[in-house]
PDB file of N, CA and C in Angstrom:
ATOM      1  N   MET A   1     -15.490 -29.607 -25.767  1.00  0.00           N
ATOM      2  CA  MET A   1     -15.234 -28.503 -24.858  1.00  0.00           C
ATOM      3  C   MET A   1     -15.926 -27.265 -25.419  1.00  0.00           C
ATOM      4  N   SER A   2     -16.650 -26.570 -24.563  1.00  0.00           N
ATOM      5  CA  SER A   2     -17.369 -25.366 -24.993  1.00  0.00           C
ATOM      6  C   SER A   2     -16.398 -24.192 -25.095  1.00  0.00           C
ATOM      7  N   PRO A   3     -16.783 -23.163 -25.841  1.00  0.00           N
ATOM      8  CA  PRO A   3     -15.913 -21.993 -25.945  1.00  0.00           C
ATOM      9  C   PRO A   3     -15.657 -21.328 -24.582  1.00  0.00           C
ATOM     10  N   GLU A   4     -16.664 -21.323 -23.693  1.00  0.00           N
ATOM     11  CA  GLU A   4     -16.481 -20.737 -22.364  1.00  0.00           C
ATOM     12  C   GLU A   4     -15.430 -21.509 -21.567  1.00  0.00           C
ATOM     13  N   GLU A   5     -15.480 -22.832 -21.647  1.00  0.00           N
ATOM     14  CA  GLU A   5     -14.488 -23.653 -20.953  1.00  0.00           C
ATOM     15  C   GLU A   5     -13.097 -23.407 -21.533  1.00  0.00           C
ATOM     16  N   ALA A   6     -13.038 -23.267 -22.854  1.00  0.00           N
ATOM     17  CA  ALA A   6     -11.747 -23.021 -23.501  1.00  0.00           C
ATOM     18  C   ALA A   6     -11.189 -21.664 -23.092  1.00  0.00           C
ATOM     19  N   ARG A   7     -12.056 -20.647 -22.974  1.00  0.00           N
ATOM     20  CA  ARG A   7     -11.597 -19.315 -22.560  1.00  0.00           C
ATOM     21  C   ARG A   7     -10.996 -19.354 -21.145  1.00  0.00           C
ATOM     22  N   GLU A   8     -11.578 -20.160 -20.303  1.00  0.00           N
ATOM     23  CA  GLU A   8     -11.058 -20.284 -18.940  1.00  0.00           C
ATOM     24  C   GLU A   8      -9.670 -20.926 -18.919  1.00  0.00           C
ATOM     25  N   LEU A   9      -9.329 -21.638 -19.979  1.00  0.00           N
ATOM     26  CA  LEU A   9      -8.033 -22.324 -20.038  1.00  0.00           C
ATOM     27  C   LEU A   9      -6.962 -21.543 -20.797  1.00  0.00           C
ATOM     28  N   PHE A  10      -7.286 -20.325 -21.266  1.00  0.00           N
ATOM     29  CA  PHE A  10      -6.325 -19.540 -22.042  1.00  0.00           C
ATOM     30  C   PHE A  10      -4.988 -19.413 -21.312  1.00  0.00           C
ATOM     31  N   SER A  11      -5.010 -19.021 -20.052  1.00  0.00           N
ATOM     32  CA  SER A  11      -3.755 -18.801 -19.311  1.00  0.00           C
ATOM     33  C   SER A  11      -2.966 -20.089 -19.168  1.00  0.00           C
ATOM     34  N   ASP A  12      -3.657 -21.166 -18.799  1.00  0.00           N
ATOM     35  CA  ASP A  12      -2.957 -22.438 -18.620  1.00  0.00           C
ATOM     36  C   ASP A  12      -2.389 -22.947 -19.940  1.00  0.00           C
ATOM     37  N   ALA A  13      -3.137 -22.767 -21.038  1.00  0.00           N
ATOM     38  CA  ALA A  13      -2.651 -23.208 -22.340  1.00  0.00           C
ATOM     39  C   ALA A  13      -1.441 -22.380 -22.762  1.00  0.00           C
ATOM     40  N   TYR A  14      -1.481 -21.088 -22.484  1.00  0.00           N
ATOM     41  CA  TYR A  14      -0.360 -20.223 -22.849  1.00  0.00           C
ATOM     42  C   TYR A  14       0.899 -20.623 -22.085  1.00  0.00           C
ATOM     43  N   GLU A  15       0.731 -20.984 -20.835  1.00  0.00           N
ATOM     44  CA  GLU A  15       1.873 -21.367 -20.001  1.00  0.00           C
ATOM     45  C   GLU A  15       2.234 -22.845 -20.147  1.00  0.00           C
ATOM     46  N   LYS A  16       1.537 -23.535 -21.047  1.00  0.00           N
ATOM     47  CA  LYS A  16       1.775 -24.970 -21.287  1.00  0.00           C
ATOM     48  C   LYS A  16       1.605 -25.784 -20.000  1.00  0.00           C
ATOM     49  N   ALA A  17       0.568 -25.443 -19.249  1.00  0.00           N
ATOM     50  CA  ALA A  17       0.328 -26.098 -17.965  1.00  0.00           C
ATOM     51  C   ALA A  17      -0.853 -27.065 -18.020  1.00  0.00           C
ATOM     52  N   LEU A  18      -1.358 -27.342 -19.217  1.00  0.00           N
ATOM     53  CA  LEU A  18      -2.495 -28.259 -19.344  1.00  0.00           C
ATOM     54  C   LEU A  18      -2.002 -29.699 -19.467  1.00  0.00           C
ATOM     55  N   ALA A  19      -2.796 -30.606 -18.927  1.00  0.00           N
ATOM     56  CA  ALA A  19      -2.510 -32.030 -19.114  1.00  0.00           C
ATOM     57  C   ALA A  19      -2.701 -32.353 -20.599  1.00  0.00           C
ATOM     58  N   ALA A  20      -2.131 -33.443 -21.058  1.00  0.00           N
ATOM     59  CA  ALA A  20      -2.140 -33.789 -22.490  1.00  0.00           C
ATOM     60  C   ALA A  20      -3.559 -33.900 -23.039  1.00  0.00           C
ATOM     61  N   ASP A  21      -4.457 -34.560 -22.308  1.00  0.00           N
ATOM     62  CA  ASP A  21      -5.823 -34.710 -22.805  1.00  0.00           C
ATOM     63  C   ASP A  21      -6.556 -33.376 -22.835  1.00  0.00           C
ATOM     64  N   ARG A  22      -6.338 -32.506 -21.838  1.00  0.00           N
ATOM     65  CA  ARG A  22      -6.966 -31.182 -21.837  1.00  0.00           C
ATOM     66  C   ARG A  22      -6.376 -30.314 -22.957  1.00  0.00           C
ATOM     67  N   GLN A  23      -5.095 -30.463 -23.225  1.00  0.00           N
ATOM     68  CA  GLN A  23      -4.454 -29.709 -24.296  1.00  0.00           C
ATOM     69  C   GLN A  23      -5.046 -30.091 -25.653  1.00  0.00           C
ATOM     70  N   ARG A  24      -5.234 -31.408 -25.875  1.00  0.00           N
ATOM     71  CA  ARG A  24      -5.838 -31.853 -27.143  1.00  0.00           C
ATOM     72  C   ARG A  24      -7.262 -31.332 -27.274  1.00  0.00           C
ATOM     73  N   ALA A  25      -8.043 -31.369 -26.190  1.00  0.00           N
ATOM     74  CA  ALA A  25      -9.413 -30.861 -26.229  1.00  0.00           C
ATOM     75  C   ALA A  25      -9.417 -29.356 -26.492  1.00  0.00           C
ATOM     76  N   PHE A  26      -8.477 -28.649 -25.902  1.00  0.00           N
ATOM     77  CA  PHE A  26      -8.365 -27.203 -26.110  1.00  0.00           C
ATOM     78  C   PHE A  26      -8.041 -26.891 -27.570  1.00  0.00           C
ATOM     79  N   GLU A  27      -7.077 -27.605 -28.130  1.00  0.00           N
ATOM     80  CA  GLU A  27      -6.705 -27.387 -29.527  1.00  0.00           C
ATOM     81  C   GLU A  27      -7.849 -27.739 -30.464  1.00  0.00           C
ATOM     82  N   SER A  28      -8.606 -28.776 -30.127  1.00  0.00           N
ATOM     83  CA  SER A  28      -9.768 -29.142 -30.949  1.00  0.00           C
ATOM     84  C   SER A  28     -10.814 -28.037 -30.915  1.00  0.00           C
ATOM     85  N   ALA A  29     -11.010 -27.439 -29.741  1.00  0.00           N
ATOM     86  CA  ALA A  29     -11.973 -26.338 -29.623  1.00  0.00           C
ATOM     87  C   ALA A  29     -11.528 -25.144 -30.447  1.00  0.00           C
ATOM     88  N   LEU A  30     -10.229 -24.873 -30.484  1.00  0.00           N
ATOM     89  CA  LEU A  30      -9.722 -23.765 -31.287  1.00  0.00           C
ATOM     90  C   LEU A  30      -9.904 -24.033 -32.775  1.00  0.00           C
ATOM     91  N   GLU A  31      -9.683 -25.281 -33.200  1.00  0.00           N
ATOM     92  CA  GLU A  31      -9.854 -25.628 -34.610  1.00  0.00           C
ATOM     93  C   GLU A  31     -11.313 -25.557 -35.024  1.00  0.00           C
ATOM     94  N   ALA A  32     -12.212 -25.865 -34.115  1.00  0.00           N
ATOM     95  CA  ALA A  32     -13.637 -25.886 -34.439  1.00  0.00           C
ATOM     96  C   ALA A  32     -14.239 -24.486 -34.465  1.00  0.00           C
ATOM     97  N   ASP A  33     -13.655 -23.554 -33.742  1.00  0.00           N
ATOM     98  CA  ASP A  33     -14.243 -22.209 -33.633  1.00  0.00           C
ATOM     99  C   ASP A  33     -13.194 -21.172 -34.016  1.00  0.00           C
ATOM    100  N   VAL A  34     -13.360 -20.548 -35.189  1.00  0.00           N
ATOM    101  CA  VAL A  34     -12.398 -19.584 -35.710  1.00  0.00           C
ATOM    102  C   VAL A  34     -12.350 -18.342 -34.825  1.00  0.00           C
ATOM    103  N   GLU A  35     -13.501 -17.916 -34.334  1.00  0.00           N
ATOM    104  CA  GLU A  35     -13.549 -16.728 -33.471  1.00  0.00           C
ATOM    105  C   GLU A  35     -12.785 -16.981 -32.162  1.00  0.00           C
ATOM    106  N   LEU A  36     -12.951 -18.158 -31.598  1.00  0.00           N
ATOM    107  CA  LEU A  36     -12.241 -18.531 -30.379  1.00  0.00           C
ATOM    108  C   LEU A  36     -10.728 -18.569 -30.624  1.00  0.00           C
ATOM    109  N   ALA A  37     -10.337 -19.097 -31.787  1.00  0.00           N
ATOM    110  CA  ALA A  37      -8.912 -19.144 -32.135  1.00  0.00           C
ATOM    111  C   ALA A  37      -8.346 -17.732 -32.253  1.00  0.00           C
ATOM    112  N   GLY A  38      -9.129 -16.802 -32.802  1.00  0.00           N
ATOM    113  CA  GLY A  38      -8.701 -15.401 -32.902  1.00  0.00           C
ATOM    114  C   GLY A  38      -8.551 -14.760 -31.528  1.00  0.00           C
ATOM    115  N   GLU A  39      -9.489 -15.084 -30.633  1.00  0.00           N
ATOM    116  CA  GLU A  39      -9.395 -14.543 -29.271  1.00  0.00           C
ATOM    117  C   GLU A  39      -8.135 -15.054 -28.569  1.00  0.00           C
ATOM    118  N   TYR A  40      -7.838 -16.341 -28.768  1.00  0.00           N
ATOM    119  CA  TYR A  40      -6.651 -16.907 -28.128  1.00  0.00           C
ATOM    120  C   TYR A  40      -5.379 -16.294 -28.721  1.00  0.00           C
ATOM    121  N   ALA A  41      -5.370 -16.064 -30.019  1.00  0.00           N
ATOM    122  CA  ALA A  41      -4.211 -15.443 -30.658  1.00  0.00           C
ATOM    123  C   ALA A  41      -4.016 -14.015 -30.129  1.00  0.00           C
ATOM    124  N   ALA A  42      -5.108 -13.276 -29.971  1.00  0.00           N
ATOM    125  CA  ALA A  42      -5.014 -11.918 -29.430  1.00  0.00           C
ATOM    126  C   ALA A  42      -4.528 -11.946 -27.982  1.00  0.00           C
ATOM    127  N   PHE A  43      -5.003 -12.927 -27.222  1.00  0.00           N
ATOM    128  CA  PHE A  43      -4.567 -13.103 -25.831  1.00  0.00           C
ATOM    129  C   PHE A  43      -3.055 -13.336 -25.780  1.00  0.00           C
ATOM    130  N   CYS A  44      -2.567 -14.212 -26.649  1.00  0.00           N
ATOM    131  CA  CYS A  44      -1.132 -14.516 -26.686  1.00  0.00           C
ATOM    132  C   CYS A  44      -0.315 -13.298 -27.108  1.00  0.00           C
ATOM    133  N   ARG A  45      -0.790 -12.540 -28.104  1.00  0.00           N
ATOM    134  CA  ARG A  45      -0.074 -11.340 -28.557  1.00  0.00           C
ATOM    135  C   ARG A  45       0.001 -10.304 -27.432  1.00  0.00           C
ATOM    136  N   THR A  46      -1.097 -10.154 -26.719  1.00  0.00           N
ATOM    137  CA  THR A  46      -1.119  -9.190 -25.615  1.00  0.00           C
ATOM    138  C   THR A  46      -0.090  -9.553 -24.556  1.00  0.00           C
ATOM    139  N   LEU A  47      -0.029 -10.826 -24.198  1.00  0.00           N
ATOM    140  CA  LEU A  47       0.945 -11.248 -23.200  1.00  0.00           C
ATOM    141  C   LEU A  47       2.376 -11.075 -23.702  1.00  0.00           C
ATOM    142  N   GLU A  48       2.604 -11.336 -24.969  1.00  0.00           N
ATOM    143  CA  GLU A  48       3.947 -11.152 -25.526  1.00  0.00           C
ATOM    144  C   GLU A  48       4.341  -9.681 -25.520  1.00  0.00           C
ATOM    145  N   LEU A  49       3.392  -8.799 -25.854  1.00  0.00           N
ATOM    146  CA  LEU A  49       3.690  -7.364 -25.832  1.00  0.00           C
ATOM    147  C   LEU A  49       3.995  -6.890 -24.413  1.00  0.00           C
ATOM    148  N   MET A  50       3.297  -7.438 -23.444  1.00  0.00           N
ATOM    149  CA  MET A  50       3.544  -7.056 -22.055  1.00  0.00           C
ATOM    150  C   MET A  50       4.930  -7.515 -21.610  1.00  0.00           C
ATOM    151  N   ARG A  51       5.385  -8.635 -22.110  1.00  0.00           N
ATOM    152  CA  ARG A  51       6.714  -9.120 -21.745  1.00  0.00           C
ATOM    153  C   ARG A  51       7.811  -8.302 -22.410  1.00  0.00           C
ATOM    154  N   LEU A  52       7.543  -7.802 -23.623  1.00  0.00           N
ATOM    155  CA  LEU A  52       8.559  -7.040 -24.345  1.00  0.00           C
ATOM    156  C   LEU A  52       8.721  -5.638 -23.778  1.00  0.00           C
ATOM    157  N   ARG A  53       7.655  -5.096 -23.228  1.00  0.00           N
ATOM    158  CA  ARG A  53       7.692  -3.742 -22.700  1.00  0.00           C
ATOM    159  C   ARG A  53       8.528  -3.730 -21.422  1.00  0.00           C
ATOM    160  N   PRO A  54       9.498  -2.853 -21.344  1.00  0.00           N
ATOM    161  CA  PRO A  54      10.306  -2.819 -20.121  1.00  0.00           C
ATOM    162  C   PRO A  54       9.452  -2.387 -18.938  1.00  0.00           C
ATOM    163  N   GLN A  55       9.549  -3.141 -17.880  1.00  0.00           N
ATOM    164  CA  GLN A  55       8.787  -2.835 -16.687  1.00  0.00           C
ATOM    165  C   GLN A  55       9.590  -1.870 -15.821  1.00  0.00           C
ATOM    166  N   PRO A  56       8.954  -0.802 -15.347  1.00  0.00           N
ATOM    167  CA  PRO A  56       9.692   0.130 -14.496  1.00  0.00           C
ATOM    168  C   PRO A  56      10.036  -0.547 -13.170  1.00  0.00           C
ATOM    169  N   SER A  57      11.220  -0.250 -12.709  1.00  0.00           N
ATOM    170  CA  SER A  57      11.609  -0.836 -11.429  1.00  0.00           C
ATOM    171  C   SER A  57      10.879  -0.093 -10.317  1.00  0.00           C
ATOM    172  N   PRO A  58      10.493  -0.814  -9.282  1.00  0.00           N
ATOM    173  CA  PRO A  58       9.779  -0.147  -8.192  1.00  0.00           C
ATOM    174  C   PRO A  58      10.709   0.819  -7.469  1.00  0.00           C
ATOM    175  N   PRO A  59      10.153   1.891  -6.944  1.00  0.00           N
ATOM    176  CA  PRO A  59      11.017   2.860  -6.260  1.00  0.00           C
ATOM    177  C   PRO A  59      11.618   2.246  -5.004  1.00  0.00           C
ATOM    178  N   ASN A  60      12.841   2.639  -4.711  1.00  0.00           N
ATOM    179  CA  ASN A  60      13.527   2.154  -3.518  1.00  0.00           C
ATOM    180  C   ASN A  60      13.180   3.092  -2.367  1.00  0.00           C
ATOM    181  N   LEU A  61      12.276   2.660  -1.506  1.00  0.00           N
ATOM    182  CA  LEU A  61      11.809   3.487  -0.408  1.00  0.00           C
ATOM    183  C   LEU A  61      12.660   3.340   0.852  1.00  0.00           C
ATOM    184  N   LEU A  62      13.498   2.332   0.895  1.00  0.00           N
ATOM    185  CA  LEU A  62      14.251   2.033   2.105  1.00  0.00           C
ATOM    186  C   LEU A  62      15.130   3.185   2.590  1.00  0.00           C
ATOM    187  N   PRO A  63      15.917   3.876   1.723  1.00  0.00           N
ATOM    188  CA  PRO A  63      16.757   4.963   2.250  1.00  0.00           C
ATOM    189  C   PRO A  63      15.938   6.075   2.912  1.00  0.00           C
ATOM    190  N   GLY A  64      14.816   6.418   2.341  1.00  0.00           N
ATOM    191  CA  GLY A  64      13.977   7.456   2.939  1.00  0.00           C
ATOM    192  C   GLY A  64      13.406   7.037   4.283  1.00  0.00           C
ATOM    193  N   ILE A  65      12.994   5.785   4.370  1.00  0.00           N
ATOM    194  CA  ILE A  65      12.459   5.279   5.635  1.00  0.00           C
ATOM    195  C   ILE A  65      13.548   5.268   6.696  1.00  0.00           C
ATOM    196  N   GLN A  66      14.729   4.806   6.330  1.00  0.00           N
ATOM    197  CA  GLN A  66      15.830   4.771   7.290  1.00  0.00           C
ATOM    198  C   GLN A  66      16.198   6.180   7.757  1.00  0.00           C
ATOM    199  N   ARG A  67      16.188   7.147   6.851  1.00  0.00           N
ATOM    200  CA  ARG A  67      16.514   8.525   7.219  1.00  0.00           C
ATOM    201  C   ARG A  67      15.488   9.068   8.215  1.00  0.00           C
ATOM    202  N   ARG A  68      14.204   8.792   7.956  1.00  0.00           N
ATOM    203  CA  ARG A  68      13.160   9.262   8.873  1.00  0.00           C
ATOM    204  C   ARG A  68      13.276   8.616  10.242  1.00  0.00           C
ATOM    205  N   LEU A  69      13.604   7.327  10.272  1.00  0.00           N
ATOM    206  CA  LEU A  69      13.770   6.652  11.556  1.00  0.00           C
ATOM    207  C   LEU A  69      14.929   7.250  12.341  1.00  0.00           C
ATOM    208  N   LYS A  70      16.033   7.549  11.662  1.00  0.00           N
ATOM    209  CA  LYS A  70      17.167   8.161  12.345  1.00  0.00           C
ATOM    210  C   LYS A  70      16.807   9.540  12.867  1.00  0.00           C
ATOM    211  N   MET A  71      16.062  10.307  12.079  1.00  0.00           N
ATOM    212  CA  MET A  71      15.646  11.640  12.516  1.00  0.00           C
ATOM    213  C   MET A  71      14.775  11.538  13.763  1.00  0.00           C
ATOM    214  N   ASN A  72      13.867  10.573  13.789  1.00  0.00           N
ATOM    215  CA  ASN A  72      12.981  10.447  14.938  1.00  0.00           C
ATOM    216  C   ASN A  72      13.755  10.040  16.182  1.00  0.00           C
ATOM    217  N   ARG A  73      14.779   9.199  16.023  1.00  0.00           N
ATOM    218  CA  ARG A  73      15.571   8.798  17.173  1.00  0.00           C
ATOM    219  C   ARG A  73      16.290   9.984  17.785  1.00  0.00           C
ATOM    220  N   ARG A  74      16.756  10.880  16.952  1.00  0.00           N
ATOM    221  CA  ARG A  74      17.504  12.035  17.462  1.00  0.00           C
ATOM    222  C   ARG A  74      16.580  13.191  17.823  1.00  0.00           C
ATOM    223  N   GLY A  75      15.316  13.066  17.543  1.00  0.00           N
ATOM    224  CA  GLY A  75      14.370  14.121  17.882  1.00  0.00           C
ATOM    225  C   GLY A  75      14.309  15.242  16.871  1.00  0.00           C
ATOM    226  N   GLU A  76      15.002  15.110  15.743  1.00  0.00           N
ATOM    227  CA  GLU A  76      15.003  16.186  14.758  1.00  0.00           C
ATOM    228  C   GLU A  76      13.620  16.390  14.155  1.00  0.00           C
ATOM    229  N   ALA A  77      12.902  15.316  13.963  1.00  0.00           N
ATOM    230  CA  ALA A  77      11.569  15.451  13.373  1.00  0.00           C
ATOM    231  C   ALA A  77      10.649  16.223  14.311  1.00  0.00           C
ATOM    232  N   MET A  78      10.741  15.967  15.620  1.00  0.00           N
ATOM    233  CA  MET A  78       9.914  16.700  16.581  1.00  0.00           C
ATOM    234  C   MET A  78      10.285  18.177  16.605  1.00  0.00           C
ATOM    235  N   ARG A  79      11.586  18.452  16.583  1.00  0.00           N
ATOM    236  CA  ARG A  79      12.015  19.857  16.595  1.00  0.00           C
ATOM    237  C   ARG A  79      11.550  20.571  15.343  1.00  0.00           C
ATOM    238  N   ARG A  80      11.670  19.901  14.210  1.00  0.00           N
ATOM    239  CA  ARG A  80      11.281  20.530  12.960  1.00  0.00           C
ATOM    240  C   ARG A  80       9.767  20.723  12.889  1.00  0.00           C
ATOM    241  N   ARG A  81       9.021  19.737  13.329  1.00  0.00           N
ATOM    242  CA  ARG A  81       7.573  19.780  13.201  1.00  0.00           C
ATOM    243  C   ARG A  81       6.929  20.697  14.231  1.00  0.00           C
ATOM    244  N   PHE A  82       7.395  20.667  15.490  1.00  0.00           N
ATOM    245  CA  PHE A  82       6.723  21.398  16.553  1.00  0.00           C
ATOM    246  C   PHE A  82       7.555  22.537  17.133  1.00  0.00           C
ATOM    247  N   GLY A  83       8.792  22.672  16.704  1.00  0.00           N
ATOM    248  CA  GLY A  83       9.637  23.742  17.207  1.00  0.00           C
ATOM    249  C   GLY A  83       9.966  23.595  18.678  1.00  0.00           C
ATOM    250  N   ILE A  84       9.994  22.381  19.166  1.00  0.00           N
ATOM    251  CA  ILE A  84      10.213  22.150  20.590  1.00  0.00           C
ATOM    252  C   ILE A  84      11.658  22.426  20.960  1.00  0.00           C
ATOM    253  N   GLY A  85      12.577  22.190  20.087  1.00  0.00           N
ATOM    254  CA  GLY A  85      13.975  22.461  20.358  1.00  0.00           C
ATOM    255  C   GLY A  85      14.526  21.607  21.478  1.00  0.00           C
ATOM    256  N   GLY A  86      15.071  22.259  22.525  1.00  0.00           N
ATOM    257  CA  GLY A  86      15.751  21.517  23.578  1.00  0.00           C
ATOM    258  C   GLY A  86      14.864  21.130  24.752  1.00  0.00           C
ATOM    259  N   ILE A  87      13.574  21.410  24.724  1.00  0.00           N
ATOM    260  CA  ILE A  87      12.712  21.067  25.856  1.00  0.00           C
ATOM    261  C   ILE A  87      12.571  19.555  25.918  1.00  0.00           C
ATOM    262  N   ARG A  88      12.878  19.010  27.065  1.00  0.00           N
ATOM    263  CA  ARG A  88      12.784  17.566  27.278  1.00  0.00           C
ATOM    264  C   ARG A  88      11.397  17.221  27.814  1.00  0.00           C
ATOM    265  N   PRO A  89      11.012  15.954  27.735  1.00  0.00           N
ATOM    266  CA  PRO A  89       9.660  15.560  28.163  1.00  0.00           C
ATOM    267  C   PRO A  89       9.365  15.830  29.632  1.00  0.00           C
ATOM    268  N   VAL A  90      10.321  15.617  30.532  1.00  0.00           N
ATOM    269  CA  VAL A  90      10.043  15.803  31.964  1.00  0.00           C
ATOM    270  C   VAL A  90       9.776  17.277  32.291  1.00  0.00           C
ATOM    271  N   PRO A  91      10.641  18.215  31.886  1.00  0.00           N
ATOM    272  CA  PRO A  91      10.316  19.632  32.171  1.00  0.00           C
ATOM    273  C   PRO A  91       9.024  20.075  31.490  1.00  0.00           C
ATOM    274  N   LEU A  92       8.773  19.571  30.317  1.00  0.00           N
ATOM    275  CA  LEU A  92       7.538  19.928  29.630  1.00  0.00           C
ATOM    276  C   LEU A  92       6.337  19.416  30.411  1.00  0.00           C
ATOM    277  N   GLY A  93       6.428  18.203  30.948  1.00  0.00           N
ATOM    278  CA  GLY A  93       5.350  17.651  31.758  1.00  0.00           C
ATOM    279  C   GLY A  93       5.126  18.458  33.028  1.00  0.00           C
ATOM    280  N   LEU A  94       6.219  18.888  33.673  1.00  0.00           N
ATOM    281  CA  LEU A  94       6.097  19.710  34.881  1.00  0.00           C
ATOM    282  C   LEU A  94       5.451  21.054  34.568  1.00  0.00           C
ATOM    283  N   LEU A  95       5.822  21.626  33.438  1.00  0.00           N
ATOM    284  CA  LEU A  95       5.218  22.890  33.023  1.00  0.00           C
ATOM    285  C   LEU A  95       3.713  22.724  32.799  1.00  0.00           C
ATOM    286  N   MET A  96       3.332  21.643  32.151  1.00  0.00           N
ATOM    287  CA  MET A  96       1.900  21.398  31.909  1.00  0.00           C
ATOM    288  C   MET A  96       1.162  21.182  33.224  1.00  0.00           C
ATOM    289  N   LEU A  97       1.776  20.483  34.171  1.00  0.00           N
ATOM    290  CA  LEU A  97       1.172  20.256  35.483  1.00  0.00           C
ATOM    291  C   LEU A  97       0.992  21.581  36.217  1.00  0.00           C
ATOM    292  N   ALA A  98       1.995  22.450  36.148  1.00  0.00           N
ATOM    293  CA  ALA A  98       1.889  23.759  36.801  1.00  0.00           C
ATOM    294  C   ALA A  98       0.773  24.584  36.178  1.00  0.00           C
ATOM    295  N   LEU A  99       0.653  24.549  34.856  1.00  0.00           N
ATOM    296  CA  LEU A  99      -0.429  25.284  34.191  1.00  0.00           C
ATOM    297  C   LEU A  99      -1.795  24.743  34.584  1.00  0.00           C
ATOM    298  N   ALA A 100      -1.908  23.425  34.680  1.00  0.00           N
ATOM    299  CA  ALA A 100      -3.181  22.841  35.100  1.00  0.00           C
ATOM    300  C   ALA A 100      -3.512  23.247  36.536  1.00  0.00           C
ATOM    301  N   GLY A 101      -2.498  23.290  37.420  1.00  0.00           N
ATOM    302  CA  GLY A 101      -2.718  23.729  38.791  1.00  0.00           C
ATOM    303  C   GLY A 101      -3.158  25.173  38.865  1.00  0.00           C
ATOM    304  N   LEU A 102      -2.518  26.026  38.067  1.00  0.00           N
ATOM    305  CA  LEU A 102      -2.917  27.445  38.048  1.00  0.00           C
ATOM    306  C   LEU A 102      -4.343  27.609  37.528  1.00  0.00           C
ATOM    307  N   ALA A 103      -4.715  26.822  36.530  1.00  0.00           N
ATOM    308  CA  ALA A 103      -6.083  26.899  36.014  1.00  0.00           C
ATOM    309  C   ALA A 103      -7.079  26.463  37.085  1.00  0.00           C
ATOM    310  N   TRP A 104      -6.740  25.438  37.861  1.00  0.00           N
ATOM    311  CA  TRP A 104      -7.635  24.953  38.914  1.00  0.00           C
ATOM    312  C   TRP A 104      -7.788  26.016  40.008  1.00  0.00           C
ATOM    313  N   ILE A 105      -6.667  26.643  40.394  1.00  0.00           N
ATOM    314  CA  ILE A 105      -6.720  27.692  41.410  1.00  0.00           C
ATOM    315  C   ILE A 105      -7.565  28.859  40.915  1.00  0.00           C
ATOM    316  N   ALA A 106      -7.387  29.233  39.642  1.00  0.00           N
ATOM    317  CA  ALA A 106      -8.171  30.341  39.085  1.00  0.00           C
ATOM    318  C   ALA A 106      -9.656  30.013  39.097  1.00  0.00           C
ATOM    319  N   LEU A 107     -10.027  28.792  38.781  1.00  0.00           N
ATOM    320  CA  LEU A 107     -11.443  28.411  38.809  1.00  0.00           C
ATOM    321  C   LEU A 107     -11.988  28.424  40.231  1.00  0.00           C
ATOM    322  N   GLU A 108     -11.211  27.983  41.198  1.00  0.00           N
ATOM    323  CA  GLU A 108     -11.640  27.990  42.599  1.00  0.00           C
ATOM    324  C   GLU A 108     -11.858  29.434  43.071  1.00  0.00           C
ATOM    325  N   LEU A 109     -10.934  30.317  42.728  1.00  0.00           N
ATOM    326  CA  LEU A 109     -11.092  31.722  43.115  1.00  0.00           C
ATOM    327  C   LEU A 109     -12.305  32.357  42.453  1.00  0.00           C
ATOM    328  N   LEU A 110     -12.542  31.993  41.206  1.00  0.00           N
ATOM    329  CA  LEU A 110     -13.712  32.516  40.493  1.00  0.00           C
ATOM    330  C   LEU A 110     -14.999  32.048  41.136  1.00  0.00           C
ATOM    331  N   GLN A 111     -15.058  30.788  41.518  1.00  0.00           N
ATOM    332  CA  GLN A 111     -16.255  30.270  42.176  1.00  0.00           C
ATOM    333  C   GLN A 111     -16.447  30.924  43.542  1.00  0.00           C
ATOM    334  N   ALA A 112     -15.343  31.164  44.255  1.00  0.00           N
ATOM    335  CA  ALA A 112     -15.443  31.778  45.576  1.00  0.00           C
ATOM    336  C   ALA A 112     -15.945  33.222  45.466  1.00  0.00           C
ATOM    337  N   SER A 113     -15.516  33.913  44.413  1.00  0.00           N
ATOM    338  CA  SER A 113     -15.950  35.296  44.251  1.00  0.00           C
ATOM    339  C   SER A 113     -17.410  35.390  43.813  1.00  0.00           C
ATOM    340  N   ILE A 114     -17.886  34.366  43.125  1.00  0.00           N
ATOM    341  CA  ILE A 114     -19.290  34.366  42.694  1.00  0.00           C
ATOM    342  C   ILE A 114     -20.181  34.045  43.885  1.00  0.00           C
ATOM    343  N   GLY A 115     -19.695  33.244  44.784  1.00  0.00           N
ATOM    344  CA  GLY A 115     -20.464  32.931  45.980  1.00  0.00           C
ATOM    345  C   GLY A 115     -21.048  31.543  45.951  1.00  0.00           C
ATOM    346  N   ARG A 116     -20.507  30.695  45.292  1.00  0.00           N
ATOM    347  CA  ARG A 116     -20.901  29.270  45.197  1.00  0.00           C
ATOM    348  C   ARG A 116     -22.347  29.140  45.077  1.00  0.00           C
TER     349      ARG A 116
END
């Protein structure tokens, strides 16, 4: 087994996931190459250090997401973000329609005064 092939098996050898014949070939490669054996030892030490180090727990995002969803259902996020307050969608739509109508009338009057 070449050193490159043995390096590819570092993880499997560490996890004891190699078949018996591959394990013997791997161990023979380590015995034949001192530098390779040192690399494997360093690989094992690194993994052991990573296991000993306490892993931070991931942040719990669920309460914040649930709070935002509740705010959106009640419209608080819209009020806070846009200051809409108590204006409902239907009156707001009617207001926008009236403004669009007034703009159209103003443009028609402007064109009529210019003389088309």
